[in-house]
C-alpha atoms as a PDB file:
ATOM      1  CA  HIS A   1       0.000   0.000   0.000  1.00  0.00           C
ATOM      2  CA  PRO A   2       1.388   3.421  -0.876  1.00  0.00           C
ATOM      3  CA  ALA A   3       2.028   5.898   1.908  1.00  0.00           C
ATOM      4  CA  PRO A   4      -0.365   8.848   2.185  1.00  0.00           C
ATOM      5  CA  PRO A   5       0.837  12.097   0.642  1.00  0.00           C
ATOM      6  CA  PRO A   6       2.850  14.317   3.004  1.00  0.00           C
ATOM      7  CA  HIS A   7       0.357  17.178   2.767  1.00  0.00           C
ATOM      8  CA  LEU A   8      -2.353  14.962   4.300  1.00  0.00           C
ATOM      9  CA  LEU A   9      -0.112  14.109   7.227  1.00  0.00           C
ATOM     10  CA  THR A  10       0.644  17.771   7.911  1.00  0.00           C
ATOM     11  CA  LEU A  11      -3.037  18.618   7.549  1.00  0.00           C
ATOM     12  CA  PHE A  12      -3.937  16.272  10.413  1.00  0.00           C
ATOM     13  CA  LYS A  13      -1.130  17.619  12.583  1.00  0.00           C
ATOM     14  CA  SER A  14      -2.181  21.227  12.027  1.00  0.00           C
ATOM     15  CA  CYS A  15      -5.903  20.530  12.485  1.00  0.00           C
ATOM     16  CA  TRP A  16      -6.514  21.191  16.196  1.00  0.00           C
ATOM     17  CA  SER A  17     -10.171  20.152  16.112  1.00  0.00           C
ATOM     18  CA  CYS A  18      -9.274  16.861  14.375  1.00  0.00           C
ATOM     19  CA  ARG A  19      -6.753  16.031  17.082  1.00  0.00           C
ATOM     20  CA  VAL A  20      -9.142  16.974  19.900  1.00  0.00           C
ATOM     21  CA  LEU A  21     -11.989  14.952  18.399  1.00  0.00           C
ATOM     22  CA  SER A  22      -9.964  11.789  17.760  1.00  0.00           C
ATOM     23  CA  GLY A  23      -7.943  12.062  20.976  1.00  0.00           C
ATOM     24  CA  GLY A  24     -11.085  12.727  22.983  1.00  0.00           C
ATOM     25  CA  ALA A  25     -12.757   9.687  21.452  1.00  0.00           C
ATOM     26  CA  LEU A  26      -9.803   7.541  22.515  1.00  0.00           C
ATOM     27  CA  VAL A  27      -9.897   8.922  26.066  1.00  0.00           C
ATOM     28  CA  LEU A  28     -13.655   8.371  26.309  1.00  0.00           C
ATOM     29  CA  SER A  29     -13.326   4.815  25.025  1.00  0.00           C
ATOM     30  CA  ALA A  30     -10.645   4.255  27.677  1.00  0.00           C
ATOM     31  CA  ALA A  31     -13.089   5.468  30.322  1.00  0.00           C
ATOM     32  CA  TYR A  32     -15.728   3.059  28.998  1.00  0.00           C
ATOM     33  CA  VAL A  33     -13.366   0.072  29.084  1.00  0.00           C
ATOM     34  CA  PHE A  34     -12.123   1.024  32.571  1.00  0.00           C
ATOM     35  CA  ASN A  35     -15.693   1.424  33.831  1.00  0.00           C
ATOM     36  CA  ALA A  36     -16.596  -2.063  32.557  1.00  0.00           C
ATOM     37  CA  ALA A  37     -13.658  -3.531  34.482  1.00  0.00           C
ATOM     38  CA  ARG A  38     -14.520  -1.460  37.545  1.00  0.00           C
ATOM     39  CA  LYS A  39     -18.092  -2.798  37.619  1.00  0.00           C
ATOM     40  CA  VAL A  40     -16.753  -6.336  37.923  1.00  0.00           C
ATOM     41  CA  MET A  41     -14.454  -5.335  40.791  1.00  0.00           C
ATOM     42  CA  LEU A  42     -17.241  -3.480  42.633  1.00  0.00           C
ATOM     43  CA  LYS A  43     -19.418  -6.604  42.631  1.00  0.00           C
ATOM     44  CA  GLY A  44     -16.851  -8.189  44.911  1.00  0.00           C
ATOM     45  CA  GLY A  45     -15.704 -10.808  42.458  1.00  0.00           C
ATOM     46  CA  PRO A  46     -12.114 -11.920  42.300  1.00  0.00           C
ATOM     47  CA  THR A  47      -9.825  -9.879  40.124  1.00  0.00           C
ATOM     48  CA  SER A  48      -9.020 -12.028  37.127  1.00  0.00           C
ATOM     49  CA  MET A  49      -6.412 -11.697  34.421  1.00  0.00           C
ATOM     50  CA  GLY A  50      -9.173 -10.473  32.104  1.00  0.00           C
ATOM     51  CA  THR A  51      -9.952  -7.572  34.441  1.00  0.00           C
ATOM     52  CA  VAL A  52      -6.269  -6.675  34.667  1.00  0.00           C
ATOM     53  CA  ALA A  53      -6.021  -6.836  30.875  1.00  0.00           C
ATOM     54  CA  GLN A  54      -9.027  -4.509  30.544  1.00  0.00           C
ATOM     55  CA  ILE A  55      -7.483  -1.956  32.912  1.00  0.00           C
ATOM     56  CA  THR A  56      -4.154  -2.155  31.075  1.00  0.00           C
ATOM     57  CA  PHE A  57      -5.900  -1.722  27.733  1.00  0.00           C
ATOM     58  CA  ALA A  58      -7.851   1.254  29.117  1.00  0.00           C
ATOM     59  CA  ALA A  59      -4.629   2.893  30.297  1.00  0.00           C
ATOM     60  CA  SER A  60      -3.093   2.342  26.863  1.00  0.00           C
ATOM     61  CA  LEU A  61      -6.093   3.903  25.119  1.00  0.00           C
ATOM     62  CA  ALA A  62      -5.995   6.902  27.450  1.00  0.00           C
ATOM     63  CA  ALA A  63      -2.270   7.415  26.875  1.00  0.00           C
ATOM     64  CA  TRP A  64      -2.754   7.168  23.104  1.00  0.00           C
ATOM     65  CA  GLY A  65      -5.542   9.745  23.268  1.00  0.00           C
ATOM     66  CA  VAL A  66      -3.389  12.176  25.231  1.00  0.00           C
ATOM     67  CA  VAL A  67      -0.521  11.732  22.772  1.00  0.00           C
ATOM     68  CA  VAL A  68      -2.844  12.461  19.837  1.00  0.00           C
ATOM     69  CA  ILE A  69      -4.121  15.638  21.520  1.00  0.00           C
ATOM     70  CA  VAL A  70      -0.754  16.927  22.739  1.00  0.00           C
ATOM     71  CA  ASP A  71       1.192  15.914  19.594  1.00  0.00           C
ATOM     72  CA  PRO A  72       4.693  15.843  21.105  1.00  0.00           C
ATOM     73  CA  VAL A  73       6.305  14.724  17.836  1.00  0.00           C
ATOM     74  CA  GLY A  74       5.013  17.719  15.904  1.00  0.00           C
ATOM     75  CA  LYS A  75       6.324  20.100  18.558  1.00  0.00           C
ATOM     76  CA  ALA A  76       9.790  18.614  18.730  1.00  0.00           C
ATOM     77  CA  LYS A  77      12.383  20.601  16.852  1.00  0.00           C
ATOM     78  CA  LYS A  78      14.782  18.699  14.674  1.00  0.00           C
ATOM     79  CA  LYS A  79      18.388  19.549  15.226  1.00  0.00           C
ATOM     80  CA  THR A  80      20.549  19.856  12.153  1.00  0.00           C
ATOM     81  CA  HIS A  81      24.299  19.854  12.352  1.00  0.00           C
ATOM     82  CA  ARG A  82      26.216  21.549   9.606  1.00  0.00           C
ATOM     83  CA  VAL A  83      29.679  20.366   8.961  1.00  0.00           C
ATOM     84  CA  SER A  84      31.815  23.026   7.405  1.00  0.00           C
ATOM     85  CA  GLY A  85      34.461  21.845   4.989  1.00  0.00           C
ATOM     86  CA  ASN A  86      36.398  25.068   5.421  1.00  0.00           C
ATOM     87  CA  SER A  87      38.905  25.146   8.275  1.00  0.00           C
END
């Protein structure tokens, strides 16, 4: 599959509302998954590996959502080193 054109990638990075919408959806889905795991724990049942996996997955979704919103890669400045041939 061919890679998307570079102008589409920069469009997403510069579109604040796109990042907030998609990042917010990821954070809300993390809250939903966490709440489903929490309901099982509140019933007094034993904590199973499935519940732990749900909480871990929820934390991963939340972290992904925050990364999409904050966009740390787009804010990082690339350092360029120039090597001068003249001494």
